[in-house]
């Protein structure tokens, strides 16, 4: 963080170039942006059954979801963003499995965390305002019961699951 700009680093994407203001360049994290977003071939990989199709930058994809959760202002918004990460990971694992690749296993505590995130989102969808403090509190409790300090800790561990696609 920079005292002059407390909201984090500013990154501008202009004509495919990443520009950071000079005052923030020392604190700006490197970001890999490819045409079409953080990871332009995610949709292709998640939907394919062709052998040998790889995610281009799984580490950045996992990091993107961590940032989205971290930047959300309300706890229910954090869980909505976390659910996108859970769904993306499920889609990638399914795609790689269909391709006949050894994707390994996900630990029981990560699976329990993923289930908690999925369940709270189902409850949030049922609420007309998409806010259900009780459901959020239950999900946070489930995460703590499975050894996570909270949603941010869970997202850190979930992000490492995306990194596992790096060497496949």
Foldseek 3Di string as FASTA:
>chain_A
DDPVDPLFWDWDQDPNDTDGPPVCPVPDDDADADPPGRWNCLVVQLPDLAAPDAGDCLLNVLVVLLVQLVNDDDLLSSLVSVLVLLVSLVSNVVSCVSNVHCLDDDDPLLVQLNVLSVVLQVVLVVDPVSDDPVSSVVSQVSNVVSPAPGSSRSSVVSSVSSVSRVVD
